[in-house]
Amino acid sequence: MTHKEAVLDALSDGPLSDYGIYHTARARQHKMTPSSARSRRAELVREGLVEDAGMRELSSTGYSAIIWRLS
């Protein structure tokens, strides 16, 4: 499975932040780094397969994190 497919798989259960995408993918045995998960998600946004869900959550570092969903 490619990293893009792993991101899509993680989002198939519902909207997630980049952090959530990474951890869900890792829990499903998809080997990727947080940076790779963000990069693949960004590519999927450009391709129109993933979009901003219009929600935010506070990240562990205190920043507002975008929640992403399948388009």
PDB file of N, CA and C in Angstrom:
ATOM      1  N   MET A   1       0.855  -1.177   0.000  1.00  0.00           N
ATOM      2  CA  MET A   1       0.000   0.000   0.000  1.00  0.00           C
ATOM      3  C   MET A   1       0.899   1.238   0.000  1.00  0.00           C
ATOM      4  N   THR A   2       0.569   2.203  -0.859  1.00  0.00           N
ATOM      5  CA  THR A   2       1.346   3.447  -0.896  1.00  0.00           C
ATOM      6  C   THR A   2       0.990   4.333   0.297  1.00  0.00           C
ATOM      7  N   HIS A   3       1.808   5.337   0.532  1.00  0.00           N
ATOM      8  CA  HIS A   3       1.515   6.271   1.620  1.00  0.00           C
ATOM      9  C   HIS A   3       0.228   7.041   1.365  1.00  0.00           C
ATOM     10  N   LYS A   4      -0.036   7.391   0.112  1.00  0.00           N
ATOM     11  CA  LYS A   4      -1.299   8.070  -0.208  1.00  0.00           C
ATOM     12  C   LYS A   4      -2.483   7.171   0.136  1.00  0.00           C
ATOM     13  N   GLU A   5      -2.378   5.909  -0.224  1.00  0.00           N
ATOM     14  CA  GLU A   5      -3.452   4.965   0.091  1.00  0.00           C
ATOM     15  C   GLU A   5      -3.618   4.811   1.599  1.00  0.00           C
ATOM     16  N   ALA A   6      -2.519   4.849   2.340  1.00  0.00           N
ATOM     17  CA  ALA A   6      -2.582   4.751   3.795  1.00  0.00           C
ATOM     18  C   ALA A   6      -3.301   5.963   4.392  1.00  0.00           C
ATOM     19  N   VAL A   7      -3.056   7.157   3.839  1.00  0.00           N
ATOM     20  CA  VAL A   7      -3.745   8.367   4.312  1.00  0.00           C
ATOM     21  C   VAL A   7      -5.235   8.250   4.011  1.00  0.00           C
ATOM     22  N   LEU A   8      -5.584   7.832   2.806  1.00  0.00           N
ATOM     23  CA  LEU A   8      -6.993   7.651   2.456  1.00  0.00           C
ATOM     24  C   LEU A   8      -7.649   6.607   3.356  1.00  0.00           C
ATOM     25  N   ASP A   9      -6.922   5.535   3.643  1.00  0.00           N
ATOM     26  CA  ASP A   9      -7.432   4.487   4.527  1.00  0.00           C
ATOM     27  C   ASP A   9      -7.695   5.043   5.925  1.00  0.00           C
ATOM     28  N   ALA A  10      -6.767   5.836   6.437  1.00  0.00           N
ATOM     29  CA  ALA A  10      -6.942   6.423   7.773  1.00  0.00           C
ATOM     30  C   ALA A  10      -8.167   7.331   7.809  1.00  0.00           C
ATOM     31  N   LEU A  11      -8.376   8.112   6.754  1.00  0.00           N
ATOM     32  CA  LEU A  11      -9.501   9.041   6.710  1.00  0.00           C
ATOM     33  C   LEU A  11     -10.831   8.357   6.393  1.00  0.00           C
ATOM     34  N   SER A  12     -10.781   7.090   6.013  1.00  0.00           N
ATOM     35  CA  SER A  12     -12.021   6.389   5.683  1.00  0.00           C
ATOM     36  C   SER A  12     -12.915   6.208   6.910  1.00  0.00           C
ATOM     37  N   ASP A  13     -12.345   6.269   8.101  1.00  0.00           N
ATOM     38  CA  ASP A  13     -13.133   6.142   9.336  1.00  0.00           C
ATOM     39  C   ASP A  13     -13.731   7.467   9.783  1.00  0.00           C
ATOM     40  N   GLY A  14     -13.290   8.569   9.173  1.00  0.00           N
ATOM     41  CA  GLY A  14     -13.819   9.876   9.545  1.00  0.00           C
ATOM     42  C   GLY A  14     -12.719  10.917   9.583  1.00  0.00           C
ATOM     43  N   PRO A  15     -13.103  12.178   9.802  1.00  0.00           N
ATOM     44  CA  PRO A  15     -12.158  13.293   9.784  1.00  0.00           C
ATOM     45  C   PRO A  15     -11.068  13.175  10.859  1.00  0.00           C
ATOM     46  N   LEU A  16      -9.847  13.578  10.478  1.00  0.00           N
ATOM     47  CA  LEU A  16      -8.697  13.530  11.385  1.00  0.00           C
ATOM     48  C   LEU A  16      -7.760  14.693  11.107  1.00  0.00           C
ATOM     49  N   SER A  17      -6.993  15.071  12.097  1.00  0.00           N
ATOM     50  CA  SER A  17      -5.896  16.021  11.910  1.00  0.00           C
ATOM     51  C   SER A  17      -4.719  15.269  11.285  1.00  0.00           C
ATOM     52  N   ASP A  18      -3.687  15.988  10.882  1.00  0.00           N
ATOM     53  CA  ASP A  18      -2.485  15.317  10.359  1.00  0.00           C
ATOM     54  C   ASP A  18      -1.920  14.362  11.407  1.00  0.00           C
ATOM     55  N   TYR A  19      -1.912  14.780  12.665  1.00  0.00           N
ATOM     56  CA  TYR A  19      -1.437  13.933  13.762  1.00  0.00           C
ATOM     57  C   TYR A  19      -2.289  12.659  13.837  1.00  0.00           C
ATOM     58  N   GLY A  20      -3.597  12.816  13.730  1.00  0.00           N
ATOM     59  CA  GLY A  20      -4.498  11.668  13.770  1.00  0.00           C
ATOM     60  C   GLY A  20      -4.309  10.744  12.587  1.00  0.00           C
ATOM     61  N   ILE A  21      -4.084  11.341  11.406  1.00  0.00           N
ATOM     62  CA  ILE A  21      -3.832  10.534  10.204  1.00  0.00           C
ATOM     63  C   ILE A  21      -2.593   9.674  10.412  1.00  0.00           C
ATOM     64  N   TYR A  22      -1.516  10.305  10.877  1.00  0.00           N
ATOM     65  CA  TYR A  22      -0.266   9.585  11.112  1.00  0.00           C
ATOM     66  C   TYR A  22      -0.464   8.433  12.099  1.00  0.00           C
ATOM     67  N   HIS A  23      -1.085   8.717  13.244  1.00  0.00           N
ATOM     68  CA  HIS A  23      -1.231   7.679  14.266  1.00  0.00           C
ATOM     69  C   HIS A  23      -2.191   6.565  13.843  1.00  0.00           C
ATOM     70  N   THR A  24      -3.238   6.917  13.120  1.00  0.00           N
ATOM     71  CA  THR A  24      -4.155   5.889  12.628  1.00  0.00           C
ATOM     72  C   THR A  24      -3.454   4.994  11.617  1.00  0.00           C
ATOM     73  N   ALA A  25      -2.707   5.604  10.709  1.00  0.00           N
ATOM     74  CA  ALA A  25      -1.965   4.817   9.716  1.00  0.00           C
ATOM     75  C   ALA A  25      -0.951   3.899  10.392  1.00  0.00           C
ATOM     76  N   ARG A  26      -0.231   4.419  11.377  1.00  0.00           N
ATOM     77  CA  ARG A  26       0.758   3.591  12.095  1.00  0.00           C
ATOM     78  C   ARG A  26       0.076   2.441  12.837  1.00  0.00           C
ATOM     79  N   ALA A  27      -1.078   2.707  13.425  1.00  0.00           N
ATOM     80  CA  ALA A  27      -1.813   1.661  14.146  1.00  0.00           C
ATOM     81  C   ALA A  27      -2.260   0.555  13.200  1.00  0.00           C
ATOM     82  N   ARG A  28      -2.418   0.902  11.937  1.00  0.00           N
ATOM     83  CA  ARG A  28      -2.817  -0.074  10.917  1.00  0.00           C
ATOM     84  C   ARG A  28      -1.601  -0.667  10.207  1.00  0.00           C
ATOM     85  N   GLN A  29      -0.445  -0.493  10.804  1.00  0.00           N
ATOM     86  CA  GLN A  29       0.802  -1.078  10.318  1.00  0.00           C
ATOM     87  C   GLN A  29       1.339  -0.459   9.036  1.00  0.00           C
ATOM     88  N   HIS A  30       0.936   0.778   8.733  1.00  0.00           N
ATOM     89  CA  HIS A  30       1.494   1.491   7.588  1.00  0.00           C
ATOM     90  C   HIS A  30       2.719   2.257   8.080  1.00  0.00           C
ATOM     91  N   LYS A  31       3.872   1.948   7.546  1.00  0.00           N
ATOM     92  CA  LYS A  31       5.113   2.578   8.005  1.00  0.00           C
ATOM     93  C   LYS A  31       5.319   3.901   7.275  1.00  0.00           C
ATOM     94  N   MET A  32       5.247   4.993   8.048  1.00  0.00           N
ATOM     95  CA  MET A  32       5.490   6.323   7.506  1.00  0.00           C
ATOM     96  C   MET A  32       5.869   7.260   8.640  1.00  0.00           C
ATOM     97  N   THR A  33       6.471   8.360   8.288  1.00  0.00           N
ATOM     98  CA  THR A  33       6.833   9.372   9.273  1.00  0.00           C
ATOM     99  C   THR A  33       5.717  10.421   9.321  1.00  0.00           C
ATOM    100  N   PRO A  34       5.676  11.241  10.374  1.00  0.00           N
ATOM    101  CA  PRO A  34       4.690  12.328  10.402  1.00  0.00           C
ATOM    102  C   PRO A  34       4.831  13.257   9.196  1.00  0.00           C
ATOM    103  N   SER A  35       6.055  13.533   8.789  1.00  0.00           N
ATOM    104  CA  SER A  35       6.295  14.398   7.637  1.00  0.00           C
ATOM    105  C   SER A  35       5.744  13.781   6.357  1.00  0.00           C
ATOM    106  N   SER A  36       5.939  12.504   6.189  1.00  0.00           N
ATOM    107  CA  SER A  36       5.432  11.815   5.014  1.00  0.00           C
ATOM    108  C   SER A  36       3.905  11.824   4.995  1.00  0.00           C
ATOM    109  N   ALA A  37       3.291  11.618   6.151  1.00  0.00           N
ATOM    110  CA  ALA A  37       1.828  11.642   6.236  1.00  0.00           C
ATOM    111  C   ALA A  37       1.299  13.017   5.832  1.00  0.00           C
ATOM    112  N   ARG A  38       1.927  14.090   6.323  1.00  0.00           N
ATOM    113  CA  ARG A  38       1.508  15.456   5.961  1.00  0.00           C
ATOM    114  C   ARG A  38       1.703  15.714   4.472  1.00  0.00           C
ATOM    115  N   SER A  39       2.838  15.299   3.935  1.00  0.00           N
ATOM    116  CA  SER A  39       3.119  15.513   2.513  1.00  0.00           C
ATOM    117  C   SER A  39       2.123  14.775   1.626  1.00  0.00           C
ATOM    118  N   ARG A  40       1.836  13.529   1.960  1.00  0.00           N
ATOM    119  CA  ARG A  40       0.880  12.763   1.158  1.00  0.00           C
ATOM    120  C   ARG A  40      -0.519  13.349   1.288  1.00  0.00           C
ATOM    121  N   ARG A  41      -0.902  13.788   2.501  1.00  0.00           N
ATOM    122  CA  ARG A  41      -2.207  14.430   2.676  1.00  0.00           C
ATOM    123  C   ARG A  41      -2.283  15.692   1.831  1.00  0.00           C
ATOM    124  N   ALA A  42      -1.228  16.509   1.809  1.00  0.00           N
ATOM    125  CA  ALA A  42      -1.207  17.736   1.010  1.00  0.00           C
ATOM    126  C   ALA A  42      -1.367  17.413  -0.477  1.00  0.00           C
ATOM    127  N   GLU A  43      -0.737  16.367  -0.944  1.00  0.00           N
ATOM    128  CA  GLU A  43      -0.889  15.946  -2.340  1.00  0.00           C
ATOM    129  C   GLU A  43      -2.341  15.559  -2.629  1.00  0.00           C
ATOM    130  N   LEU A  44      -2.960  14.859  -1.693  1.00  0.00           N
ATOM    131  CA  LEU A  44      -4.340  14.438  -1.871  1.00  0.00           C
ATOM    132  C   LEU A  44      -5.296  15.636  -1.859  1.00  0.00           C
ATOM    133  N   VAL A  45      -4.959  16.676  -1.097  1.00  0.00           N
ATOM    134  CA  VAL A  45      -5.751  17.912  -1.120  1.00  0.00           C
ATOM    135  C   VAL A  45      -5.657  18.540  -2.515  1.00  0.00           C
ATOM    136  N   ARG A  46      -4.438  18.645  -3.043  1.00  0.00           N
ATOM    137  CA  ARG A  46      -4.252  19.215  -4.384  1.00  0.00           C
ATOM    138  C   ARG A  46      -4.985  18.409  -5.455  1.00  0.00           C
ATOM    139  N   GLU A  47      -5.090  17.102  -5.246  1.00  0.00           N
ATOM    140  CA  GLU A  47      -5.770  16.226  -6.204  1.00  0.00           C
ATOM    141  C   GLU A  47      -7.290  16.238  -6.020  1.00  0.00           C
ATOM    142  N   GLY A  48      -7.767  16.928  -4.973  1.00  0.00           N
ATOM    143  CA  GLY A  48      -9.202  17.032  -4.733  1.00  0.00           C
ATOM    144  C   GLY A  48      -9.827  15.846  -4.028  1.00  0.00           C
ATOM    145  N   LEU A  49      -9.004  14.961  -3.442  1.00  0.00           N
ATOM    146  CA  LEU A  49      -9.525  13.780  -2.756  1.00  0.00           C
ATOM    147  C   LEU A  49      -9.725  13.985  -1.259  1.00  0.00           C
ATOM    148  N   VAL A  50      -9.063  14.995  -0.709  1.00  0.00           N
ATOM    149  CA  VAL A  50      -9.147  15.322   0.719  1.00  0.00           C
ATOM    150  C   VAL A  50      -9.394  16.814   0.828  1.00  0.00           C
ATOM    151  N   GLU A  51     -10.190  17.209   1.839  1.00  0.00           N
ATOM    152  CA  GLU A  51     -10.490  18.626   2.025  1.00  0.00           C
ATOM    153  C   GLU A  51     -10.545  18.980   3.502  1.00  0.00           C
ATOM    154  N   ASP A  52     -10.449  20.272   3.767  1.00  0.00           N
ATOM    155  CA  ASP A  52     -10.590  20.823   5.110  1.00  0.00           C
ATOM    156  C   ASP A  52     -12.025  20.561   5.554  1.00  0.00           C
ATOM    157  N   ALA A  53     -12.192  19.957   6.718  1.00  0.00           N
ATOM    158  CA  ALA A  53     -13.525  19.640   7.229  1.00  0.00           C
ATOM    159  C   ALA A  53     -14.179  20.846   7.903  1.00  0.00           C
ATOM    160  N   GLY A  54     -13.463  21.956   7.996  1.00  0.00           N
ATOM    161  CA  GLY A  54     -14.024  23.145   8.626  1.00  0.00           C
ATOM    162  C   GLY A  54     -13.986  23.101  10.143  1.00  0.00           C
ATOM    163  N   MET A  55     -13.214  22.191  10.686  1.00  0.00           N
ATOM    164  CA  MET A  55     -13.077  22.049  12.143  1.00  0.00           C
ATOM    165  C   MET A  55     -11.606  22.183  12.510  1.00  0.00           C
ATOM    166  N   ARG A  56     -11.349  22.502  13.753  1.00  0.00           N
ATOM    167  CA  ARG A  56      -9.989  22.610  14.263  1.00  0.00           C
ATOM    168  C   ARG A  56      -9.921  21.897  15.612  1.00  0.00           C
ATOM    169  N   GLU A  57      -8.720  21.447  15.961  1.00  0.00           N
ATOM    170  CA  GLU A  57      -8.484  20.898  17.297  1.00  0.00           C
ATOM    171  C   GLU A  57      -7.150  21.437  17.781  1.00  0.00           C
ATOM    172  N   LEU A  58      -6.990  21.490  19.067  1.00  0.00           N
ATOM    173  CA  LEU A  58      -5.746  21.964  19.647  1.00  0.00           C
ATOM    174  C   LEU A  58      -4.728  20.836  19.604  1.00  0.00           C
ATOM    175  N   SER A  59      -3.572  21.110  18.999  1.00  0.00           N
ATOM    176  CA  SER A  59      -2.524  20.089  18.914  1.00  0.00           C
ATOM    177  C   SER A  59      -1.801  19.963  20.248  1.00  0.00           C
ATOM    178  N   SER A  60      -0.970  18.969  20.362  1.00  0.00           N
ATOM    179  CA  SER A  60      -0.217  18.758  21.606  1.00  0.00           C
ATOM    180  C   SER A  60       0.767  19.890  21.871  1.00  0.00           C
ATOM    181  N   THR A  61       1.107  20.645  20.823  1.00  0.00           N
ATOM    182  CA  THR A  61       2.030  21.777  20.986  1.00  0.00           C
ATOM    183  C   THR A  61       1.295  23.094  21.201  1.00  0.00           C
ATOM    184  N   GLY A  62      -0.030  23.032  21.235  1.00  0.00           N
ATOM    185  CA  GLY A  62      -0.821  24.223  21.511  1.00  0.00           C
ATOM    186  C   GLY A  62      -1.285  24.985  20.285  1.00  0.00           C
ATOM    187  N   TYR A  63      -0.998  24.463  19.105  1.00  0.00           N
ATOM    188  CA  TYR A  63      -1.425  25.120  17.876  1.00  0.00           C
ATOM    189  C   TYR A  63      -2.769  24.566  17.410  1.00  0.00           C
ATOM    190  N   SER A  64      -3.490  25.361  16.639  1.00  0.00           N
ATOM    191  CA  SER A  64      -4.752  24.943  16.060  1.00  0.00           C
ATOM    192  C   SER A  64      -4.454  24.037  14.857  1.00  0.00           C
ATOM    193  N   ALA A  65      -4.967  22.836  14.882  1.00  0.00           N
ATOM    194  CA  ALA A  65      -4.728  21.866  13.810  1.00  0.00           C
ATOM    195  C   ALA A  65      -5.976  21.696  12.958  1.00  0.00           C
ATOM    196  N   ILE A  66      -5.809  21.724  11.648  1.00  0.00           N
ATOM    197  CA  ILE A  66      -6.917  21.513  10.723  1.00  0.00           C
ATOM    198  C   ILE A  66      -7.348  20.053  10.766  1.00  0.00           C
ATOM    199  N   ILE A  67      -8.645  19.853  10.725  1.00  0.00           N
ATOM    200  CA  ILE A  67      -9.202  18.514  10.627  1.00  0.00           C
ATOM    201  C   ILE A  67      -9.518  18.267   9.151  1.00  0.00           C
ATOM    202  N   TRP A  68      -9.079  17.141   8.614  1.00  0.00           N
ATOM    203  CA  TRP A  68      -9.228  16.796   7.205  1.00  0.00           C
ATOM    204  C   TRP A  68     -10.254  15.692   7.033  1.00  0.00           C
ATOM    205  N   ARG A  69     -10.919  15.677   5.873  1.00  0.00           N
ATOM    206  CA  ARG A  69     -11.877  14.621   5.551  1.00  0.00           C
ATOM    207  C   ARG A  69     -11.767  14.265   4.075  1.00  0.00           C
ATOM    208  N   LEU A  70     -12.321  13.127   3.737  1.00  0.00           N
ATOM    209  CA  LEU A  70     -12.384  12.733   2.331  1.00  0.00           C
ATOM    210  C   LEU A  70     -13.351  13.657   1.608  1.00  0.00           C
ATOM    211  N   SER A  71     -13.036  14.009   0.383  1.00  0.00           N
ATOM    212  CA  SER A  71     -13.913  14.902  -0.405  1.00  0.00           C
ATOM    213  C   SER A  71     -15.082  14.125  -0.974  1.00  0.00           C
TER     214      SER A  71
END
